[in-house]
Amino acid sequence: SFRNTLTRFAASLAPSILPLAGTPADWRLLAVTVTKASGAAVSCKVDVAGNTADAIYSDPKSGRPAQIAFQNACKLELGDKIDIRVICAG
């Protein structure tokens, strides 16, 4: 069976960066959650830099859209689901 080999290959292709369809007015208003394949929901700490953040926001650059890179507790794996919301005040 090639199941294990194909699963490892697919895992190596899993993206860790998600381009955003738009640019939020303020990245601090982003609420990001990753629901793991096991069903556990992980709230991701969003920042613009640093090794302690779970999700790193980057502004659009050189024709590339704004994006979020996932790491640490929110590192993406096969079967994970991402939920990104913009919290509005007022």
Protein backbone atom coordinates (compact mmCIF):
# COMPACT_ATOMS: atom_id res chain seq x y z
CA SER A 1 0.00 0.00 0.00
CA PHE A 2 1.18 3.50 -0.82
CA ARG A 3 -1.08 5.12 1.78
CA ASN A 4 1.65 6.07 4.28
CA THR A 5 4.00 7.33 1.57
CA LEU A 6 1.28 9.44 -0.05
CA THR A 7 0.18 10.83 3.32
CA ARG A 8 3.75 11.91 4.14
CA PHE A 9 4.10 13.44 0.68
CA ALA A 10 0.82 15.37 1.06
CA ALA A 11 1.88 16.59 4.50
CA SER A 12 5.10 17.99 3.05
CA LEU A 13 3.05 19.99 0.53
CA ALA A 14 0.65 21.42 3.13
CA PRO A 15 0.89 25.21 3.04
CA SER A 16 1.84 27.20 6.12
CA ILE A 17 0.92 30.57 4.57
CA LEU A 18 -2.60 31.73 3.71
CA PRO A 19 -3.08 34.71 1.37
CA LEU A 20 -5.98 36.97 2.38
CA ALA A 21 -8.67 38.14 -0.03
CA GLY A 22 -8.45 41.66 1.39
CA THR A 23 -6.32 43.79 3.66
CA PRO A 24 -7.73 44.45 7.13
CA ALA A 25 -7.74 48.07 8.34
CA ASP A 26 -5.80 46.89 11.42
CA TRP A 27 -4.26 43.44 11.81
CA ARG A 28 -4.91 43.61 15.58
CA LEU A 29 -8.63 43.15 14.80
CA LEU A 30 -8.00 39.67 13.35
CA ALA A 31 -9.28 36.70 15.35
CA VAL A 32 -7.76 33.48 14.02
CA THR A 33 -8.70 29.94 15.06
CA VAL A 34 -7.41 26.64 13.71
CA THR A 35 -9.59 23.59 14.25
CA LYS A 36 -7.33 20.57 14.20
CA ALA A 37 -8.32 17.38 12.40
CA SER A 38 -8.96 15.89 15.88
CA GLY A 39 -11.66 18.53 16.47
CA ALA A 40 -9.66 20.59 18.99
CA ALA A 41 -9.96 24.36 18.37
CA VAL A 42 -6.79 26.41 18.88
CA SER A 43 -6.98 30.19 19.25
CA CYS A 44 -4.00 31.69 17.44
CA LYS A 45 -2.04 34.62 18.84
CA VAL A 46 -1.62 37.01 15.89
CA ASP A 47 1.35 39.36 15.60
CA VAL A 48 3.46 40.96 12.88
CA ALA A 49 6.72 39.36 14.03
CA GLY A 50 8.22 37.13 16.66
CA ASN A 51 8.71 33.51 17.47
CA THR A 52 6.00 33.48 20.15
CA ALA A 53 3.15 34.32 17.76
CA ASP A 54 1.06 31.47 16.36
CA ALA A 55 -0.01 33.44 13.28
CA ILE A 56 2.16 36.14 11.72
CA TYR A 57 0.39 38.80 9.65
CA SER A 58 2.21 40.41 6.70
CA ASP A 59 0.99 43.46 4.77
CA PRO A 60 0.70 43.26 0.96
CA LYS A 61 4.04 43.70 -0.83
CA SER A 62 5.12 43.80 -4.47
CA GLY A 63 1.80 42.58 -5.84
CA ARG A 64 1.47 39.86 -3.17
CA PRO A 65 -1.71 40.04 -1.07
CA ALA A 66 -1.73 40.36 2.70
CA GLN A 67 -1.09 36.96 4.28
CA ILE A 68 -0.94 35.00 7.49
CA ALA A 69 1.84 32.50 8.22
CA PHE A 70 0.97 29.76 10.72
CA GLN A 71 3.46 28.35 13.24
CA ASN A 72 3.82 27.05 16.81
CA ALA A 73 0.44 25.95 18.26
CA CYS A 74 -1.32 26.87 15.00
CA LYS A 75 1.04 25.09 12.61
CA LEU A 76 -1.16 23.66 9.89
CA GLU A 77 -1.48 19.93 9.37
CA LEU A 78 -3.57 17.78 7.06
CA GLY A 79 -7.28 18.09 7.81
CA ASP A 80 -7.04 21.37 9.77
CA LYS A 81 -9.62 24.12 9.20
CA ILE A 82 -8.88 27.83 9.46
CA ASP A 83 -11.33 30.47 10.68
CA ILE A 84 -10.36 34.13 10.28
CA ARG A 85 -12.66 36.88 11.49
CA VAL A 86 -12.32 40.63 11.67
CA ILE A 87 -13.58 41.99 14.96
CA CYS A 88 -15.49 45.23 14.47
CA ALA A 89 -15.83 47.77 17.24
CA GLY A 90 -18.65 50.25 17.48
